[in-house]
Amino acid sequence: MFVKKLQDCEKFIAGDDSLLRELLHPDKTDLAIRYSLAHAVVKPGQTSKPHTLKTSEVYYILEGEGIMHINMESEKVTPGNVIYIPPNSIQYIRNTGSSELKFLCIVDPAWRHEDEEVL
């Protein structure tokens, strides 16, 4: 059985300026997975930097509220929302609330530095 605690995962600032904790990545575990899973935080009033990924990504909003931007579209997001981000899309998220915006990021196939471009 594999169990990992969020608080045991190292915090770091991602290229898009969000605060990340990587939960799962196939290069860092023996698990038979091809995706990566991270926990992200955007502080109140902050916006992640526009960026693209060569792979698809899914956000699952856990706490807070914001505006998700994908290419020329934008929509309010709140806890329980799932957002699909197609490959090569320009994406960023803005925290419009008074508390931290927390969400999970699933990248499939797994995130790689060379697959991301921060604009």
C-alpha atoms as a PDB file:
ATOM      1  CA  MET A   1       0.000   0.000   0.000  1.00  0.00           C
ATOM      2  CA  PHE A   2       1.293   3.440  -0.904  1.00  0.00           C
ATOM      3  CA  VAL A   3       0.285   6.387   1.297  1.00  0.00           C
ATOM      4  CA  LYS A   4       1.902   9.821   1.262  1.00  0.00           C
ATOM      5  CA  LYS A   5       1.089  12.853   3.416  1.00  0.00           C
ATOM      6  CA  LEU A   6       0.822  16.302   1.858  1.00  0.00           C
ATOM      7  CA  GLN A   7       2.851  17.871   4.669  1.00  0.00           C
ATOM      8  CA  ASP A   8       5.728  15.456   3.933  1.00  0.00           C
ATOM      9  CA  CYS A   9       6.078  16.793   0.378  1.00  0.00           C
ATOM     10  CA  GLU A  10       8.566  19.606  -0.156  1.00  0.00           C
ATOM     11  CA  LYS A  11       7.130  23.030  -1.061  1.00  0.00           C
ATOM     12  CA  PHE A  12       8.582  24.887  -4.031  1.00  0.00           C
ATOM     13  CA  ILE A  13       7.680  27.772  -6.314  1.00  0.00           C
ATOM     14  CA  ALA A  14       6.756  26.473  -9.772  1.00  0.00           C
ATOM     15  CA  GLY A  15       7.663  28.214 -13.011  1.00  0.00           C
ATOM     16  CA  ASP A  16       4.190  29.775 -13.085  1.00  0.00           C
ATOM     17  CA  ASP A  17       4.728  31.230  -9.553  1.00  0.00           C
ATOM     18  CA  SER A  18       2.240  28.935  -7.809  1.00  0.00           C
ATOM     19  CA  LEU A  19       3.320  27.146  -4.629  1.00  0.00           C
ATOM     20  CA  LEU A  20       3.518  23.422  -5.400  1.00  0.00           C
ATOM     21  CA  ARG A  21       3.969  20.159  -3.569  1.00  0.00           C
ATOM     22  CA  GLU A  22       4.514  17.204  -5.877  1.00  0.00           C
ATOM     23  CA  LEU A  23       2.519  14.241  -4.586  1.00  0.00           C
ATOM     24  CA  LEU A  24       3.135  11.660  -7.305  1.00  0.00           C
ATOM     25  CA  HIS A  25       5.480  11.419 -10.275  1.00  0.00           C
ATOM     26  CA  PRO A  26       6.430   8.218 -12.124  1.00  0.00           C
ATOM     27  CA  ASP A  27      10.139   9.169 -12.095  1.00  0.00           C
ATOM     28  CA  LYS A  28      10.129   9.424  -8.285  1.00  0.00           C
ATOM     29  CA  THR A  29       8.227   6.304  -7.271  1.00  0.00           C
ATOM     30  CA  ASP A  30       7.935   2.596  -8.066  1.00  0.00           C
ATOM     31  CA  LEU A  31       4.234   2.978  -8.843  1.00  0.00           C
ATOM     32  CA  ALA A  32       2.998   1.959 -12.292  1.00  0.00           C
ATOM     33  CA  ILE A  33       1.623   5.386 -13.217  1.00  0.00           C
ATOM     34  CA  ARG A  34       2.161   7.664 -16.223  1.00  0.00           C
ATOM     35  CA  TYR A  35       0.681  10.859 -14.750  1.00  0.00           C
ATOM     36  CA  SER A  36       1.914  13.335 -12.161  1.00  0.00           C
ATOM     37  CA  LEU A  37      -0.135  14.793  -9.325  1.00  0.00           C
ATOM     38  CA  ALA A  38       0.623  18.024  -7.490  1.00  0.00           C
ATOM     39  CA  HIS A  39      -1.056  20.212  -4.881  1.00  0.00           C
ATOM     40  CA  ALA A  40      -1.006  23.907  -5.807  1.00  0.00           C
ATOM     41  CA  VAL A  41      -1.674  27.122  -3.891  1.00  0.00           C
ATOM     42  CA  VAL A  42      -2.194  30.640  -5.247  1.00  0.00           C
ATOM     43  CA  LYS A  43      -2.307  33.367  -2.585  1.00  0.00           C
ATOM     44  CA  PRO A  44      -5.186  35.901  -2.401  1.00  0.00           C
ATOM     45  CA  GLY A  45      -4.904  38.547  -5.115  1.00  0.00           C
ATOM     46  CA  GLN A  46      -2.182  36.607  -6.955  1.00  0.00           C
ATOM     47  CA  THR A  47      -2.221  35.163 -10.474  1.00  0.00           C
ATOM     48  CA  SER A  48      -0.151  32.307 -11.833  1.00  0.00           C
ATOM     49  CA  LYS A  49       1.973  33.195 -14.852  1.00  0.00           C
ATOM     50  CA  PRO A  50       0.554  32.329 -18.272  1.00  0.00           C
ATOM     51  CA  HIS A  51       2.125  29.110 -19.493  1.00  0.00           C
ATOM     52  CA  THR A  52       1.609  26.187 -21.832  1.00  0.00           C
ATOM     53  CA  LEU A  53       2.161  22.461 -21.473  1.00  0.00           C
ATOM     54  CA  LYS A  54       2.632  20.025 -24.343  1.00  0.00           C
ATOM     55  CA  THR A  55       0.457  17.586 -22.385  1.00  0.00           C
ATOM     56  CA  SER A  56      -3.077  17.744 -21.027  1.00  0.00           C
ATOM     57  CA  GLU A  57      -3.736  18.887 -17.484  1.00  0.00           C
ATOM     58  CA  VAL A  58      -6.672  18.755 -15.088  1.00  0.00           C
ATOM     59  CA  TYR A  59      -7.232  21.068 -12.110  1.00  0.00           C
ATOM     60  CA  TYR A  60      -9.527  20.076  -9.254  1.00  0.00           C
ATOM     61  CA  ILE A  61     -10.406  23.020  -7.023  1.00  0.00           C
ATOM     62  CA  LEU A  62     -10.245  22.170  -3.303  1.00  0.00           C
ATOM     63  CA  GLU A  63     -10.581  25.573  -1.579  1.00  0.00           C
ATOM     64  CA  GLY A  64     -11.007  29.216  -2.481  1.00  0.00           C
ATOM     65  CA  GLU A  65     -12.264  30.869  -5.629  1.00  0.00           C
ATOM     66  CA  GLY A  66     -10.732  32.231  -8.773  1.00  0.00           C
ATOM     67  CA  ILE A  67     -10.917  32.837 -12.475  1.00  0.00           C
ATOM     68  CA  MET A  68      -9.437  30.169 -14.756  1.00  0.00           C
ATOM     69  CA  HIS A  69      -8.110  31.373 -18.099  1.00  0.00           C
ATOM     70  CA  ILE A  70      -7.568  28.956 -20.984  1.00  0.00           C
ATOM     71  CA  ASN A  71      -6.664  30.528 -24.312  1.00  0.00           C
ATOM     72  CA  MET A  72      -9.306  33.223 -24.917  1.00  0.00           C
ATOM     73  CA  GLU A  73     -11.862  31.813 -22.431  1.00  0.00           C
ATOM     74  CA  SER A  74     -12.241  32.503 -18.713  1.00  0.00           C
ATOM     75  CA  GLU A  75     -14.621  31.213 -16.064  1.00  0.00           C
ATOM     76  CA  LYS A  76     -15.125  31.491 -12.316  1.00  0.00           C
ATOM     77  CA  VAL A  77     -14.024  28.376 -10.424  1.00  0.00           C
ATOM     78  CA  THR A  78     -14.916  27.229  -6.906  1.00  0.00           C
ATOM     79  CA  PRO A  79     -14.440  24.091  -4.778  1.00  0.00           C
ATOM     80  CA  GLY A  80     -15.586  20.935  -6.518  1.00  0.00           C
ATOM     81  CA  ASN A  81     -14.909  22.280 -10.028  1.00  0.00           C
ATOM     82  CA  VAL A  82     -12.850  20.193 -12.447  1.00  0.00           C
ATOM     83  CA  ILE A  83     -11.087  22.037 -15.265  1.00  0.00           C
ATOM     84  CA  TYR A  84      -9.678  20.233 -18.312  1.00  0.00           C
ATOM     85  CA  ILE A  85      -6.781  22.041 -19.973  1.00  0.00           C
ATOM     86  CA  PRO A  86      -6.000  20.772 -23.484  1.00  0.00           C
ATOM     87  CA  PRO A  87      -2.375  20.334 -24.574  1.00  0.00           C
ATOM     88  CA  ASN A  88      -0.617  23.493 -25.827  1.00  0.00           C
ATOM     89  CA  SER A  89      -3.228  25.828 -24.314  1.00  0.00           C
ATOM     90  CA  ILE A  90      -2.247  29.145 -22.758  1.00  0.00           C
ATOM     91  CA  GLN A  91      -3.396  28.829 -19.160  1.00  0.00           C
ATOM     92  CA  TYR A  92      -3.308  30.724 -15.880  1.00  0.00           C
ATOM     93  CA  ILE A  93      -5.477  31.099 -12.796  1.00  0.00           C
ATOM     94  CA  ARG A  94      -6.215  34.183 -10.698  1.00  0.00           C
ATOM     95  CA  ASN A  95      -7.221  34.012  -7.048  1.00  0.00           C
ATOM     96  CA  THR A  96     -10.184  36.370  -6.662  1.00  0.00           C
ATOM     97  CA  GLY A  97     -10.985  35.436  -3.077  1.00  0.00           C
ATOM     98  CA  SER A  98      -9.740  36.440   0.362  1.00  0.00           C
ATOM     99  CA  SER A  99      -8.254  33.022   1.186  1.00  0.00           C
ATOM    100  CA  GLU A 100      -5.756  30.739  -0.510  1.00  0.00           C
ATOM    101  CA  LEU A 101      -6.873  29.082  -3.750  1.00  0.00           C
ATOM    102  CA  LYS A 102      -5.921  25.403  -3.404  1.00  0.00           C
ATOM    103  CA  PHE A 103      -6.194  22.838  -6.167  1.00  0.00           C
ATOM    104  CA  LEU A 104      -4.830  19.547  -7.442  1.00  0.00           C
ATOM    105  CA  CYS A 105      -3.018  19.383 -10.788  1.00  0.00           C
ATOM    106  CA  ILE A 106      -2.966  16.142 -12.761  1.00  0.00           C
ATOM    107  CA  VAL A 107      -0.685  16.094 -15.804  1.00  0.00           C
ATOM    108  CA  ASP A 108      -0.886  13.186 -18.256  1.00  0.00           C
ATOM    109  CA  PRO A 109       1.610  12.080 -19.342  1.00  0.00           C
ATOM    110  CA  ALA A 110       3.605  13.237 -16.339  1.00  0.00           C
ATOM    111  CA  TRP A 111       4.924  16.796 -16.105  1.00  0.00           C
ATOM    112  CA  ARG A 112       8.406  17.399 -17.499  1.00  0.00           C
ATOM    113  CA  HIS A 113      10.280  20.698 -17.425  1.00  0.00           C
ATOM    114  CA  GLU A 114      10.920  20.572 -21.178  1.00  0.00           C
ATOM    115  CA  ASP A 115       7.165  20.265 -21.850  1.00  0.00           C
ATOM    116  CA  GLU A 116       6.343  23.593 -20.157  1.00  0.00           C
ATOM    117  CA  GLU A 117       6.813  27.092 -21.475  1.00  0.00           C
ATOM    118  CA  VAL A 118       6.223  30.066 -19.174  1.00  0.00           C
ATOM    119  CA  LEU A 119       5.143  33.080 -21.218  1.00  0.00           C
END
